[in-house]
């Protein structure tokens, strides 16, 4: 089994309902257990500013799946919840599920980059990750808490 941290985000179609539905679906993924969940946070959009705030959280999972098999499940959940992938990046979405960390694995494939390619720049990912695991160290040896300390998290509020 591998410990995985997964970011959840939504800013469309009742974000709280979307995240709760995604958590139920994640709990039904084979060979995978939801261990813990961070608090829910309200965050301004990362990208185009004229969209609703996001609900963001991080889930800790334990899985026997491979990274790409877990990715297949998360993308299926996104599609089932009406996620539309558009050319515009960082736009509004019903649900977004991003694998942040998959144990201490590093991976760079066309479909998946681990750790998440840009989490070091995203307080809305690091804050709930550090909440769940305050001393967590990324595969590159950097502490998530140190990365978070270098970012502006002043606009992040509890949901």
Foldseek 3Di string as FASTA:
>chain_A
DWKWKKKKKAQDDPQVVLVVQLVVLQCPPPQKHFDDKFFWKWAQFDADRPGHTMTMIMIIMDGPDDPVVVVVSSVVSQVVQPFDDDPGPRDHGGMDMATQATHQDADDDPVDGPNHPCVLAPLSRLVNVCVVPVQDAHNVRHGSVVSNVPYDPPRMGGD
